[in-house]
Amino acid sequence: MSECLTSVSLYDTMRACMTENRLPEPQEIDCVAAKIWRDAYSIRANLHWTQVETGSIDHQRTVAAARAALGLYRARRSSRAKAA
């Protein structure tokens, strides 16, 4: 995916999802992840977001950060919670 979000549209997407109480589209999550990757990791890793292997720990963590930025979360279940 191309560099799809400027800072302005990034915040517009985040605000729209939260204020309109709607789930982000998959491409919006990916665009936010691309922005997070570019700002936080690209220099250290010397990789563009499109070069990060899907499913890798770096990809998973960056997508999780994007989901959190968009107001989404996935509850983790511990082994104790499953047994209860």
C-alpha atoms as a PDB file:
ATOM      1  CA  MET A   1       0.000   0.000   0.000  1.00  0.00           C
ATOM      2  CA  SER A   2       1.230   3.491  -0.771  1.00  0.00           C
ATOM      3  CA  GLU A   3       1.881   6.174   1.780  1.00  0.00           C
ATOM      4  CA  CYS A   4      -1.782   6.914   2.154  1.00  0.00           C
ATOM      5  CA  LEU A   5      -2.138   9.256   5.085  1.00  0.00           C
ATOM      6  CA  THR A   6      -0.861  12.676   5.848  1.00  0.00           C
ATOM      7  CA  SER A   7      -0.953  13.778   9.458  1.00  0.00           C
ATOM      8  CA  VAL A   8      -4.167  15.698   8.791  1.00  0.00           C
ATOM      9  CA  SER A   9      -6.000  12.786   7.209  1.00  0.00           C
ATOM     10  CA  LEU A  10      -4.616  10.419   9.860  1.00  0.00           C
ATOM     11  CA  TYR A  11      -6.265  12.442  12.595  1.00  0.00           C
ATOM     12  CA  ASP A  12      -9.410  12.902  10.510  1.00  0.00           C
ATOM     13  CA  THR A  13      -9.677   9.111  10.162  1.00  0.00           C
ATOM     14  CA  MET A  14      -9.107   8.571  13.876  1.00  0.00           C
ATOM     15  CA  ARG A  15     -11.624  11.260  14.830  1.00  0.00           C
ATOM     16  CA  ALA A  16     -14.230   9.974  12.355  1.00  0.00           C
ATOM     17  CA  CYS A  17     -14.045   6.420  13.669  1.00  0.00           C
ATOM     18  CA  MET A  18     -14.366   7.540  17.270  1.00  0.00           C
ATOM     19  CA  THR A  19     -16.983  10.291  16.914  1.00  0.00           C
ATOM     20  CA  GLU A  20     -19.122   8.443  14.359  1.00  0.00           C
ATOM     21  CA  ASN A  21     -18.824   5.269  16.425  1.00  0.00           C
ATOM     22  CA  ARG A  22     -17.877   3.227  13.393  1.00  0.00           C
ATOM     23  CA  LEU A  23     -15.305   0.542  12.821  1.00  0.00           C
ATOM     24  CA  PRO A  24     -12.399   1.527  10.612  1.00  0.00           C
ATOM     25  CA  GLU A  25     -12.063  -0.065   7.214  1.00  0.00           C
ATOM     26  CA  PRO A  26      -9.146  -2.510   6.860  1.00  0.00           C
ATOM     27  CA  GLN A  27      -7.335  -0.056   4.580  1.00  0.00           C
ATOM     28  CA  GLU A  28      -7.690   2.650   7.237  1.00  0.00           C
ATOM     29  CA  ILE A  29      -6.072   0.387   9.822  1.00  0.00           C
ATOM     30  CA  ASP A  30      -3.276  -0.364   7.355  1.00  0.00           C
ATOM     31  CA  CYS A  31      -2.763   3.326   6.609  1.00  0.00           C
ATOM     32  CA  VAL A  32      -2.537   4.181  10.298  1.00  0.00           C
ATOM     33  CA  ALA A  33      -0.102   1.281  10.770  1.00  0.00           C
ATOM     34  CA  ALA A  34       1.981   2.596   7.864  1.00  0.00           C
ATOM     35  CA  LYS A  35       2.121   6.028   9.493  1.00  0.00           C
ATOM     36  CA  ILE A  36       3.110   4.559  12.863  1.00  0.00           C
ATOM     37  CA  TRP A  37       5.782   2.407  11.201  1.00  0.00           C
ATOM     38  CA  ARG A  38       7.157   5.336   9.213  1.00  0.00           C
ATOM     39  CA  ASP A  39       7.315   7.601  12.270  1.00  0.00           C
ATOM     40  CA  ALA A  40       8.582   5.095  14.826  1.00  0.00           C
ATOM     41  CA  TYR A  41      10.481   2.276  13.176  1.00  0.00           C
ATOM     42  CA  SER A  42      11.429   2.851   9.556  1.00  0.00           C
ATOM     43  CA  ILE A  43      14.771   4.501  10.280  1.00  0.00           C
ATOM     44  CA  ARG A  44      15.803   1.816  12.783  1.00  0.00           C
ATOM     45  CA  ALA A  45      14.658  -1.081  10.620  1.00  0.00           C
ATOM     46  CA  ASN A  46      15.502   0.559   7.279  1.00  0.00           C
ATOM     47  CA  LEU A  47      12.273  -0.898   5.855  1.00  0.00           C
ATOM     48  CA  HIS A  48       9.208   0.637   4.270  1.00  0.00           C
ATOM     49  CA  TRP A  49       5.884  -0.574   5.728  1.00  0.00           C
ATOM     50  CA  THR A  50       5.148  -2.549   2.563  1.00  0.00           C
ATOM     51  CA  GLN A  51       8.392  -4.467   3.145  1.00  0.00           C
ATOM     52  CA  VAL A  52       7.456  -5.590   6.658  1.00  0.00           C
ATOM     53  CA  GLU A  53       6.440  -9.230   6.447  1.00  0.00           C
ATOM     54  CA  THR A  54       2.735  -9.724   7.129  1.00  0.00           C
ATOM     55  CA  GLY A  55       2.359 -11.777  10.281  1.00  0.00           C
ATOM     56  CA  SER A  56       5.802 -10.903  11.634  1.00  0.00           C
ATOM     57  CA  ILE A  57       6.038  -9.662  15.208  1.00  0.00           C
ATOM     58  CA  ASP A  58       6.851  -6.150  13.937  1.00  0.00           C
ATOM     59  CA  HIS A  59       3.771  -6.223  11.699  1.00  0.00           C
ATOM     60  CA  GLN A  60       1.532  -7.550  14.479  1.00  0.00           C
ATOM     61  CA  ARG A  61       2.708  -4.958  16.982  1.00  0.00           C
ATOM     62  CA  THR A  62       2.348  -2.082  14.552  1.00  0.00           C
ATOM     63  CA  VAL A  63      -1.160  -3.146  13.522  1.00  0.00           C
ATOM     64  CA  ALA A  64      -2.059  -3.511  17.215  1.00  0.00           C
ATOM     65  CA  ALA A  65      -0.837   0.050  17.811  1.00  0.00           C
ATOM     66  CA  ALA A  66      -2.888   1.264  14.833  1.00  0.00           C
ATOM     67  CA  ARG A  67      -5.985  -0.508  16.138  1.00  0.00           C
ATOM     68  CA  ALA A  68      -5.451   1.077  19.557  1.00  0.00           C
ATOM     69  CA  ALA A  69      -5.014   4.510  17.964  1.00  0.00           C
ATOM     70  CA  LEU A  70      -8.361   4.001  16.237  1.00  0.00           C
ATOM     71  CA  GLY A  71     -10.057   3.082  19.507  1.00  0.00           C
ATOM     72  CA  LEU A  72     -10.104  -0.671  18.930  1.00  0.00           C
ATOM     73  CA  TYR A  73      -8.705  -3.291  21.205  1.00  0.00           C
ATOM     74  CA  ARG A  74      -8.644  -7.035  21.415  1.00  0.00           C
ATOM     75  CA  ALA A  75      -8.967  -8.430  24.903  1.00  0.00           C
ATOM     76  CA  ARG A  76      -6.341 -11.002  25.728  1.00  0.00           C
ATOM     77  CA  ARG A  77      -7.520 -14.122  27.407  1.00  0.00           C
ATOM     78  CA  SER A  78      -5.296 -15.638  30.003  1.00  0.00           C
ATOM     79  CA  SER A  79      -5.299 -19.326  30.750  1.00  0.00           C
ATOM     80  CA  ARG A  80      -6.999 -18.534  34.081  1.00  0.00           C
ATOM     81  CA  ALA A  81      -9.833 -16.678  32.315  1.00  0.00           C
ATOM     82  CA  LYS A  82     -10.410 -19.633  29.995  1.00  0.00           C
ATOM     83  CA  ALA A  83     -10.617 -22.053  32.910  1.00  0.00           C
ATOM     84  CA  ALA A  84     -13.166 -19.932  34.813  1.00  0.00           C
END
